[in-house]
Amino acid sequence: MKSSLSLVSLLSLALALLAAPLRAAPSTAHATGGGGVLLTGASFASKENTWFEMGCRSVGVTAINRAIGGEAIANTANRMDKGTLYSPEELETMDALVIMQVHDKDVFDPSQLKDAWTDYETPFKKTNYAAAYDYVIKRYIAECYALREKPGSRFYQTQSGKPPVIILCTHWHDARVTYNTTIRQLAAKWGLPLVEFDKYIGFSKDTPHPVTGKQVSLLYATDTQTIDGVTYGWHPKRGEDSYVQQRMAAIFADTLRRVLPVRPAVSAAE
């Protein structure tokens, strides 16, 4: 009997010792301000799509969706000017600003740009895409930097202020050549991460479907758009059951994992 109890005790002790390192092992997590990721965009980004929400959920960050159908980057700039895109509290805590304004326009054109965001006249019109993008990027960076001089901010008296995380996006497929080309130029100019939906969506405008002979994007869209005489899928099917939304969520989440800071998680004991 004593021998049996001793054997059980030894086995229990051995299992406890093996498990202890697993419980004590430090873990890492995406831990920035904890205020979530904020998205601005139009119909391709609105809540009905779900790629943004699913992507944020898979990474464990809060989704703040401010996209409104029918808007353009000029609307984003004007909402920043009015102080309605995000609150001072959200500026302090949000993890990243994601921009998905994907009208097929030149968003890089240097001839439209001013040296400082304060040099632009507001409100912006929907014809000035490159200038509005420039305004949004410069103003967000400036507002993050200014937190170094704001008493009460956790970035107060830091050298950098709040490190700004701005994430740009391509169109959901590669048919919008002007936009997709110039958003890459803009991302390269600023060193900003780019969610390359068009590169990883799984098909290309350059190769029609081998059975239908038509553009593959048509299979995943609810309506059509004609560009240079070719008919493409326009708005992707929406909802969490949509394959395209699931794929876009995966592409977006992959970018978040690569660019959101990873810091040691704080344990309950601490």
C-alpha atoms as a PDB file:
ATOM      1  CA  MET A   1       0.000   0.000   0.000  1.00  0.00           C
ATOM      2  CA  LYS A   2       2.784   2.372   0.974  1.00  0.00           C
ATOM      3  CA  SER A   3       4.600   1.463  -2.215  1.00  0.00           C
ATOM      4  CA  SER A   4       1.528   2.312  -4.295  1.00  0.00           C
ATOM      5  CA  LEU A   5       1.069   5.661  -2.562  1.00  0.00           C
ATOM      6  CA  SER A   6       4.734   6.503  -3.045  1.00  0.00           C
ATOM      7  CA  LEU A   7       4.486   5.692  -6.736  1.00  0.00           C
ATOM      8  CA  VAL A   8       1.381   7.869  -7.133  1.00  0.00           C
ATOM      9  CA  SER A   9       3.071  10.711  -5.244  1.00  0.00           C
ATOM     10  CA  LEU A  10       6.165  10.498  -7.402  1.00  0.00           C
ATOM     11  CA  LEU A  11       4.117  10.507 -10.586  1.00  0.00           C
ATOM     12  CA  SER A  12       2.121  13.509  -9.384  1.00  0.00           C
ATOM     13  CA  LEU A  13       5.284  15.399  -8.527  1.00  0.00           C
ATOM     14  CA  ALA A  14       6.829  14.608 -11.883  1.00  0.00           C
ATOM     15  CA  LEU A  15       3.744  15.820 -13.747  1.00  0.00           C
ATOM     16  CA  ALA A  16       3.672  19.005 -11.694  1.00  0.00           C
ATOM     17  CA  LEU A  17       7.316  19.740 -12.468  1.00  0.00           C
ATOM     18  CA  LEU A  18       6.746  19.166 -16.160  1.00  0.00           C
ATOM     19  CA  ALA A  19       3.724  21.449 -16.216  1.00  0.00           C
ATOM     20  CA  ALA A  20       5.290  24.239 -14.173  1.00  0.00           C
ATOM     21  CA  PRO A  21       7.508  25.666 -16.963  1.00  0.00           C
ATOM     22  CA  LEU A  22       4.512  25.739 -19.294  1.00  0.00           C
ATOM     23  CA  ARG A  23       2.484  27.795 -16.843  1.00  0.00           C
ATOM     24  CA  ALA A  24       5.341  30.133 -16.071  1.00  0.00           C
ATOM     25  CA  ALA A  25       6.547  30.630 -19.641  1.00  0.00           C
ATOM     26  CA  PRO A  26       6.233  34.266 -20.723  1.00  0.00           C
ATOM     27  CA  SER A  27       3.885  34.973 -23.620  1.00  0.00           C
ATOM     28  CA  THR A  28       3.736  37.757 -26.140  1.00  0.00           C
ATOM     29  CA  ALA A  29       0.775  39.651 -27.524  1.00  0.00           C
ATOM     30  CA  HIS A  30      -0.048  42.586 -29.720  1.00  0.00           C
ATOM     31  CA  ALA A  31      -0.165  45.279 -27.057  1.00  0.00           C
ATOM     32  CA  THR A  32      -0.243  48.928 -28.088  1.00  0.00           C
ATOM     33  CA  GLY A  33      -2.780  51.399 -26.804  1.00  0.00           C
ATOM     34  CA  GLY A  34      -5.483  48.780 -26.550  1.00  0.00           C
ATOM     35  CA  GLY A  35      -7.918  51.147 -28.220  1.00  0.00           C
ATOM     36  CA  GLY A  36      -8.353  49.126 -31.390  1.00  0.00           C
ATOM     37  CA  VAL A  37      -7.739  49.607 -35.089  1.00  0.00           C
ATOM     38  CA  LEU A  38      -9.687  52.354 -36.853  1.00  0.00           C
ATOM     39  CA  LEU A  39     -10.778  51.975 -40.479  1.00  0.00           C
ATOM     40  CA  THR A  40     -11.846  54.752 -42.815  1.00  0.00           C
ATOM     41  CA  GLY A  41     -13.213  53.957 -46.242  1.00  0.00           C
ATOM     42  CA  ALA A  42     -16.324  53.679 -48.387  1.00  0.00           C
ATOM     43  CA  SER A  43     -18.544  50.849 -49.639  1.00  0.00           C
ATOM     44  CA  PHE A  44     -15.715  48.319 -49.922  1.00  0.00           C
ATOM     45  CA  ALA A  45     -14.869  48.847 -46.252  1.00  0.00           C
ATOM     46  CA  SER A  46     -18.265  49.374 -44.571  1.00  0.00           C
ATOM     47  CA  LYS A  47     -19.410  47.031 -41.788  1.00  0.00           C
ATOM     48  CA  GLU A  48     -21.624  45.020 -44.134  1.00  0.00           C
ATOM     49  CA  ASN A  49     -18.487  43.586 -45.768  1.00  0.00           C
ATOM     50  CA  THR A  50     -16.993  42.047 -42.581  1.00  0.00           C
ATOM     51  CA  TRP A  51     -13.372  41.515 -43.767  1.00  0.00           C
ATOM     52  CA  PHE A  52     -12.172  44.223 -41.394  1.00  0.00           C
ATOM     53  CA  GLU A  53     -14.047  42.920 -38.383  1.00  0.00           C
ATOM     54  CA  MET A  54     -13.030  39.309 -39.006  1.00  0.00           C
ATOM     55  CA  GLY A  55      -9.397  40.285 -39.533  1.00  0.00           C
ATOM     56  CA  CYS A  56      -9.245  42.298 -36.313  1.00  0.00           C
ATOM     57  CA  ARG A  57     -10.970  39.517 -34.383  1.00  0.00           C
ATOM     58  CA  SER A  58      -8.464  36.927 -35.570  1.00  0.00           C
ATOM     59  CA  VAL A  59      -5.576  39.072 -34.312  1.00  0.00           C
ATOM     60  CA  GLY A  60      -7.301  39.989 -31.051  1.00  0.00           C
ATOM     61  CA  VAL A  61      -7.721  43.734 -31.543  1.00  0.00           C
ATOM     62  CA  THR A  62     -10.873  45.835 -31.423  1.00  0.00           C
ATOM     63  CA  ALA A  63     -12.374  46.866 -34.773  1.00  0.00           C
ATOM     64  CA  ILE A  64     -13.467  50.499 -35.053  1.00  0.00           C
ATOM     65  CA  ASN A  65     -15.176  50.847 -38.425  1.00  0.00           C
ATOM     66  CA  ARG A  66     -15.811  54.443 -39.549  1.00  0.00           C
ATOM     67  CA  ALA A  67     -16.250  53.604 -43.241  1.00  0.00           C
ATOM     68  CA  ILE A  68     -19.307  55.090 -44.949  1.00  0.00           C
ATOM     69  CA  GLY A  69     -20.551  54.066 -48.383  1.00  0.00           C
ATOM     70  CA  GLY A  70     -20.270  56.789 -51.000  1.00  0.00           C
ATOM     71  CA  GLU A  71     -17.420  58.601 -49.296  1.00  0.00           C
ATOM     72  CA  ALA A  72     -13.963  59.326 -50.711  1.00  0.00           C
ATOM     73  CA  ILE A  73     -10.598  60.242 -49.211  1.00  0.00           C
ATOM     74  CA  ALA A  74     -11.778  63.880 -49.275  1.00  0.00           C
ATOM     75  CA  ASN A  75     -14.476  62.940 -46.755  1.00  0.00           C
ATOM     76  CA  THR A  76     -11.868  61.364 -44.506  1.00  0.00           C
ATOM     77  CA  ALA A  77      -9.795  64.544 -44.658  1.00  0.00           C
ATOM     78  CA  ASN A  78     -12.825  66.710 -43.929  1.00  0.00           C
ATOM     79  CA  ARG A  79     -13.813  64.566 -40.965  1.00  0.00           C
ATOM     80  CA  MET A  80     -10.285  64.922 -39.588  1.00  0.00           C
ATOM     81  CA  ASP A  81     -10.560  68.686 -40.071  1.00  0.00           C
ATOM     82  CA  LYS A  82     -13.815  68.727 -38.087  1.00  0.00           C
ATOM     83  CA  GLY A  83     -12.455  66.418 -35.405  1.00  0.00           C
ATOM     84  CA  THR A  84     -15.088  63.763 -36.050  1.00  0.00           C
ATOM     85  CA  LEU A  85     -13.013  60.909 -37.515  1.00  0.00           C
ATOM     86  CA  TYR A  86     -11.718  59.977 -34.065  1.00  0.00           C
ATOM     87  CA  SER A  87     -11.842  61.504 -30.593  1.00  0.00           C
ATOM     88  CA  PRO A  88      -8.818  62.728 -28.591  1.00  0.00           C
ATOM     89  CA  GLU A  89      -9.195  59.613 -26.449  1.00  0.00           C
ATOM     90  CA  GLU A  90      -9.134  57.373 -29.529  1.00  0.00           C
ATOM     91  CA  LEU A  91      -6.064  59.161 -30.883  1.00  0.00           C
ATOM     92  CA  GLU A  92      -4.328  58.387 -27.609  1.00  0.00           C
ATOM     93  CA  THR A  93      -5.192  54.698 -27.490  1.00  0.00           C
ATOM     94  CA  MET A  94      -5.905  53.353 -30.982  1.00  0.00           C
ATOM     95  CA  ASP A  95      -3.397  50.924 -32.404  1.00  0.00           C
ATOM     96  CA  ALA A  96      -3.510  51.907 -36.082  1.00  0.00           C
ATOM     97  CA  LEU A  97      -5.288  53.974 -38.712  1.00  0.00           C
ATOM     98  CA  VAL A  98      -6.303  51.911 -41.752  1.00  0.00           C
ATOM     99  CA  ILE A  99      -7.271  53.707 -44.971  1.00  0.00           C
ATOM    100  CA  MET A 100      -9.230  51.936 -47.707  1.00  0.00           C
ATOM    101  CA  GLN A 101     -10.368  54.695 -50.059  1.00  0.00           C
ATOM    102  CA  VAL A 102      -9.918  52.968 -53.404  1.00  0.00           C
ATOM    103  CA  HIS A 103     -11.462  55.091 -56.149  1.00  0.00           C
ATOM    104  CA  ASP A 104      -9.497  54.510 -59.354  1.00  0.00           C
ATOM    105  CA  LYS A 105      -7.646  57.830 -59.157  1.00  0.00           C
ATOM    106  CA  ASP A 106      -4.026  58.946 -58.904  1.00  0.00           C
ATOM    107  CA  VAL A 107      -3.358  59.246 -55.169  1.00  0.00           C
ATOM    108  CA  PHE A 108       0.351  60.033 -55.572  1.00  0.00           C
ATOM    109  CA  ASP A 109       0.488  63.029 -57.970  1.00  0.00           C
ATOM    110  CA  PRO A 110       3.132  65.330 -56.398  1.00  0.00           C
ATOM    111  CA  SER A 111       1.871  68.377 -58.305  1.00  0.00           C
ATOM    112  CA  GLN A 112      -1.163  68.522 -55.979  1.00  0.00           C
ATOM    113  CA  LEU A 113       0.772  68.503 -52.711  1.00  0.00           C
ATOM    114  CA  LYS A 114       1.591  71.147 -50.104  1.00  0.00           C
ATOM    115  CA  ASP A 115       4.595  71.161 -47.775  1.00  0.00           C
ATOM    116  CA  ALA A 116       2.546  71.011 -44.574  1.00  0.00           C
ATOM    117  CA  TRP A 117      -0.937  69.744 -43.791  1.00  0.00           C
ATOM    118  CA  THR A 118      -1.761  73.193 -42.424  1.00  0.00           C
ATOM    119  CA  ASP A 119      -1.175  74.672 -45.897  1.00  0.00           C
ATOM    120  CA  TYR A 120      -4.241  72.953 -47.372  1.00  0.00           C
ATOM    121  CA  GLU A 121      -7.542  74.737 -47.717  1.00  0.00           C
ATOM    122  CA  THR A 122     -10.525  72.869 -46.348  1.00  0.00           C
ATOM    123  CA  PRO A 123     -13.030  71.475 -46.987  1.00  0.00           C
ATOM    124  CA  PHE A 124     -11.560  69.184 -49.632  1.00  0.00           C
ATOM    125  CA  LYS A 125     -13.436  68.380 -52.814  1.00  0.00           C
ATOM    126  CA  LYS A 126     -13.699  64.845 -54.178  1.00  0.00           C
ATOM    127  CA  THR A 127     -11.518  65.787 -57.167  1.00  0.00           C
ATOM    128  CA  ASN A 128      -8.271  66.194 -55.236  1.00  0.00           C
ATOM    129  CA  TYR A 129      -7.352  62.636 -54.282  1.00  0.00           C
ATOM    130  CA  ALA A 130      -3.573  62.933 -53.910  1.00  0.00           C
ATOM    131  CA  ALA A 131      -3.845  66.089 -51.826  1.00  0.00           C
ATOM    132  CA  ALA A 132      -6.468  64.593 -49.526  1.00  0.00           C
ATOM    133  CA  TYR A 133      -4.347  61.481 -48.958  1.00  0.00           C
ATOM    134  CA  ASP A 134      -1.340  63.702 -48.237  1.00  0.00           C
ATOM    135  CA  TYR A 135      -3.357  65.759 -45.760  1.00  0.00           C
ATOM    136  CA  VAL A 136      -4.630  62.706 -43.877  1.00  0.00           C
ATOM    137  CA  ILE A 137      -1.190  61.103 -43.602  1.00  0.00           C
ATOM    138  CA  LYS A 138       0.624  64.284 -42.590  1.00  0.00           C
ATOM    139  CA  ARG A 139      -2.039  65.368 -40.119  1.00  0.00           C
ATOM    140  CA  TYR A 140      -2.236  61.979 -38.403  1.00  0.00           C
ATOM    141  CA  ILE A 141       1.555  61.846 -38.039  1.00  0.00           C
ATOM    142  CA  ALA A 142       1.564  65.417 -36.681  1.00  0.00           C
ATOM    143  CA  GLU A 143      -1.223  64.723 -34.188  1.00  0.00           C
ATOM    144  CA  CYS A 144       0.541  61.620 -32.919  1.00  0.00           C
ATOM    145  CA  TYR A 145       3.808  63.536 -32.531  1.00  0.00           C
ATOM    146  CA  ALA A 146       2.040  66.353 -30.682  1.00  0.00           C
ATOM    147  CA  LEU A 147       1.053  63.961 -27.879  1.00  0.00           C
ATOM    148  CA  ARG A 148       4.626  64.330 -26.587  1.00  0.00           C
ATOM    149  CA  GLU A 149       3.603  67.807 -25.435  1.00  0.00           C
ATOM    150  CA  LYS A 150       0.218  66.860 -23.986  1.00  0.00           C
ATOM    151  CA  PRO A 151       0.239  66.502 -20.184  1.00  0.00           C
ATOM    152  CA  GLY A 152      -1.555  63.363 -19.121  1.00  0.00           C
ATOM    153  CA  SER A 153      -0.745  61.493 -22.306  1.00  0.00           C
ATOM    154  CA  ARG A 154       1.311  58.344 -21.883  1.00  0.00           C
ATOM    155  CA  PHE A 155       3.497  59.788 -24.642  1.00  0.00           C
ATOM    156  CA  TYR A 156       4.070  63.055 -22.751  1.00  0.00           C
ATOM    157  CA  GLN A 157       7.728  64.134 -22.790  1.00  0.00           C
ATOM    158  CA  THR A 158       8.761  61.169 -24.935  1.00  0.00           C
ATOM    159  CA  GLN A 159      11.161  61.727 -27.800  1.00  0.00           C
ATOM    160  CA  SER A 160       8.875  60.401 -30.534  1.00  0.00           C
ATOM    161  CA  GLY A 161       5.417  61.127 -29.271  1.00  0.00           C
ATOM    162  CA  LYS A 162       3.009  58.381 -30.269  1.00  0.00           C
ATOM    163  CA  PRO A 163       4.526  56.226 -33.031  1.00  0.00           C
ATOM    164  CA  PRO A 164       1.971  56.538 -35.847  1.00  0.00           C
ATOM    165  CA  VAL A 165       0.840  53.293 -37.471  1.00  0.00           C
ATOM    166  CA  ILE A 166      -0.880  54.005 -40.786  1.00  0.00           C
ATOM    167  CA  ILE A 167      -1.912  51.117 -43.028  1.00  0.00           C
ATOM    168  CA  LEU A 168      -2.934  51.588 -46.662  1.00  0.00           C
ATOM    169  CA  CYS A 169      -4.929  49.168 -48.829  1.00  0.00           C
ATOM    170  CA  THR A 170      -5.176  48.248 -52.491  1.00  0.00           C
ATOM    171  CA  HIS A 171      -8.478  47.568 -54.236  1.00  0.00           C
ATOM    172  CA  TRP A 172      -9.831  44.065 -53.638  1.00  0.00           C
ATOM    173  CA  HIS A 173      -8.575  42.941 -57.059  1.00  0.00           C
ATOM    174  CA  ASP A 174      -6.143  44.218 -59.677  1.00  0.00           C
ATOM    175  CA  ALA A 175      -8.469  45.865 -62.232  1.00  0.00           C
ATOM    176  CA  ARG A 176      -8.071  49.371 -60.807  1.00  0.00           C
ATOM    177  CA  VAL A 177      -4.608  49.892 -62.219  1.00  0.00           C
ATOM    178  CA  THR A 178      -4.305  53.644 -61.629  1.00  0.00           C
ATOM    179  CA  TYR A 179      -5.209  53.412 -57.964  1.00  0.00           C
ATOM    180  CA  ASN A 180      -3.291  50.214 -57.216  1.00  0.00           C
ATOM    181  CA  THR A 181      -0.155  51.580 -58.887  1.00  0.00           C
ATOM    182  CA  THR A 182      -0.198  54.954 -57.175  1.00  0.00           C
ATOM    183  CA  ILE A 183      -1.132  53.642 -53.714  1.00  0.00           C
ATOM    184  CA  ARG A 184       2.011  51.505 -53.931  1.00  0.00           C
ATOM    185  CA  GLN A 185       4.013  54.616 -54.799  1.00  0.00           C
ATOM    186  CA  LEU A 186       2.464  56.416 -51.837  1.00  0.00           C
ATOM    187  CA  ALA A 187       3.204  53.541 -49.463  1.00  0.00           C
ATOM    188  CA  ALA A 188       6.810  53.422 -50.670  1.00  0.00           C
ATOM    189  CA  LYS A 189       7.210  57.177 -50.284  1.00  0.00           C
ATOM    190  CA  TRP A 190       6.188  57.122 -46.624  1.00  0.00           C
ATOM    191  CA  GLY A 191       7.392  53.637 -45.744  1.00  0.00           C
ATOM    192  CA  LEU A 192       3.854  52.584 -44.856  1.00  0.00           C
ATOM    193  CA  PRO A 193       2.563  49.017 -44.800  1.00  0.00           C
ATOM    194  CA  LEU A 194       0.168  48.115 -47.598  1.00  0.00           C
ATOM    195  CA  VAL A 195      -2.581  45.502 -47.466  1.00  0.00           C
ATOM    196  CA  GLU A 196      -2.116  43.949 -50.910  1.00  0.00           C
ATOM    197  CA  PHE A 197      -5.560  42.495 -51.517  1.00  0.00           C
ATOM    198  CA  ASP A 198      -4.966  42.588 -55.269  1.00  0.00           C
ATOM    199  CA  LYS A 199      -1.776  40.522 -55.022  1.00  0.00           C
ATOM    200  CA  TYR A 200      -3.083  37.777 -52.757  1.00  0.00           C
ATOM    201  CA  ILE A 201      -6.783  37.553 -53.644  1.00  0.00           C
ATOM    202  CA  GLY A 202      -6.133  34.476 -55.772  1.00  0.00           C
ATOM    203  CA  PHE A 203      -6.849  35.618 -59.333  1.00  0.00           C
ATOM    204  CA  SER A 204      -5.787  38.285 -61.829  1.00  0.00           C
ATOM    205  CA  LYS A 205      -7.420  40.410 -64.491  1.00  0.00           C
ATOM    206  CA  ASP A 206      -4.704  39.221 -66.868  1.00  0.00           C
ATOM    207  CA  THR A 207      -6.020  35.648 -66.900  1.00  0.00           C
ATOM    208  CA  PRO A 208      -9.748  34.998 -67.521  1.00  0.00           C
ATOM    209  CA  HIS A 209     -11.501  32.025 -65.940  1.00  0.00           C
ATOM    210  CA  PRO A 210     -10.587  28.858 -67.908  1.00  0.00           C
ATOM    211  CA  VAL A 211     -14.219  27.689 -68.056  1.00  0.00           C
ATOM    212  CA  THR A 212     -16.295  30.866 -68.366  1.00  0.00           C
ATOM    213  CA  GLY A 213     -13.728  32.837 -70.335  1.00  0.00           C
ATOM    214  CA  LYS A 214     -14.689  35.884 -68.277  1.00  0.00           C
ATOM    215  CA  GLN A 215     -13.062  37.804 -65.459  1.00  0.00           C
ATOM    216  CA  VAL A 216     -12.807  35.725 -62.292  1.00  0.00           C
ATOM    217  CA  SER A 217     -13.867  38.676 -60.136  1.00  0.00           C
ATOM    218  CA  LEU A 218     -17.369  38.364 -61.609  1.00  0.00           C
ATOM    219  CA  LEU A 219     -17.861  35.100 -59.701  1.00  0.00           C
ATOM    220  CA  TYR A 220     -17.458  36.823 -56.351  1.00  0.00           C
ATOM    221  CA  ALA A 221     -19.273  40.114 -56.959  1.00  0.00           C
ATOM    222  CA  THR A 222     -22.842  41.377 -56.685  1.00  0.00           C
ATOM    223  CA  ASP A 223     -22.552  43.866 -59.551  1.00  0.00           C
ATOM    224  CA  THR A 224     -20.246  44.800 -62.428  1.00  0.00           C
ATOM    225  CA  GLN A 225     -17.972  47.607 -63.536  1.00  0.00           C
ATOM    226  CA  THR A 226     -16.540  48.176 -67.011  1.00  0.00           C
ATOM    227  CA  ILE A 227     -12.958  49.469 -67.265  1.00  0.00           C
ATOM    228  CA  ASP A 228     -11.388  50.025 -70.695  1.00  0.00           C
ATOM    229  CA  GLY A 229     -14.074  47.879 -72.290  1.00  0.00           C
ATOM    230  CA  VAL A 230     -13.616  44.910 -69.926  1.00  0.00           C
ATOM    231  CA  THR A 231     -16.301  43.907 -67.425  1.00  0.00           C
ATOM    232  CA  TYR A 232     -15.149  43.115 -63.899  1.00  0.00           C
ATOM    233  CA  GLY A 233     -16.757  42.320 -60.580  1.00  0.00           C
ATOM    234  CA  TRP A 234     -17.413  45.575 -58.734  1.00  0.00           C
ATOM    235  CA  HIS A 235     -18.569  45.104 -55.125  1.00  0.00           C
ATOM    236  CA  PRO A 236     -17.665  41.766 -53.548  1.00  0.00           C
ATOM    237  CA  LYS A 237     -20.317  39.619 -51.921  1.00  0.00           C
ATOM    238  CA  ARG A 238     -20.699  40.608 -48.299  1.00  0.00           C
ATOM    239  CA  GLY A 239     -21.003  38.826 -44.989  1.00  0.00           C
ATOM    240  CA  GLU A 240     -18.874  36.406 -43.007  1.00  0.00           C
ATOM    241  CA  ASP A 241     -19.963  33.500 -45.223  1.00  0.00           C
ATOM    242  CA  SER A 242     -18.500  35.183 -48.316  1.00  0.00           C
ATOM    243  CA  TYR A 243     -15.295  33.554 -49.559  1.00  0.00           C
ATOM    244  CA  VAL A 244     -13.863  36.891 -50.708  1.00  0.00           C
ATOM    245  CA  GLN A 245     -14.539  38.524 -47.321  1.00  0.00           C
ATOM    246  CA  GLN A 246     -12.849  35.590 -45.595  1.00  0.00           C
ATOM    247  CA  ARG A 247      -9.841  35.818 -47.897  1.00  0.00           C
ATOM    248  CA  MET A 248      -9.588  39.592 -47.493  1.00  0.00           C
ATOM    249  CA  ALA A 249      -9.787  39.137 -43.715  1.00  0.00           C
ATOM    250  CA  ALA A 250      -6.858  36.707 -43.859  1.00  0.00           C
ATOM    251  CA  ILE A 251      -4.779  39.078 -46.008  1.00  0.00           C
ATOM    252  CA  PHE A 252      -5.569  42.007 -43.711  1.00  0.00           C
ATOM    253  CA  ALA A 253      -4.859  40.018 -40.542  1.00  0.00           C
ATOM    254  CA  ASP A 254      -1.506  38.941 -41.961  1.00  0.00           C
ATOM    255  CA  THR A 255      -0.539  42.597 -42.378  1.00  0.00           C
ATOM    256  CA  LEU A 256      -1.674  43.432 -38.841  1.00  0.00           C
ATOM    257  CA  ARG A 257       0.459  40.628 -37.439  1.00  0.00           C
ATOM    258  CA  ARG A 258       3.476  41.962 -39.303  1.00  0.00           C
ATOM    259  CA  VAL A 259       3.179  45.626 -38.305  1.00  0.00           C
ATOM    260  CA  LEU A 260       1.479  45.917 -34.912  1.00  0.00           C
ATOM    261  CA  PRO A 261       4.099  46.071 -32.161  1.00  0.00           C
ATOM    262  CA  VAL A 262       4.517  42.845 -30.183  1.00  0.00           C
ATOM    263  CA  ARG A 263       5.401  43.316 -26.529  1.00  0.00           C
ATOM    264  CA  PRO A 264       5.582  40.969 -23.521  1.00  0.00           C
ATOM    265  CA  ALA A 265       2.132  40.371 -22.113  1.00  0.00           C
ATOM    266  CA  VAL A 266       1.539  41.562 -18.551  1.00  0.00           C
ATOM    267  CA  SER A 267       0.764  38.683 -16.210  1.00  0.00           C
ATOM    268  CA  ALA A 268      -2.021  38.753 -13.635  1.00  0.00           C
ATOM    269  CA  ALA A 269       0.576  38.760 -10.853  1.00  0.00           C
ATOM    270  CA  GLU A 270       2.092  41.963 -12.180  1.00  0.00           C
END
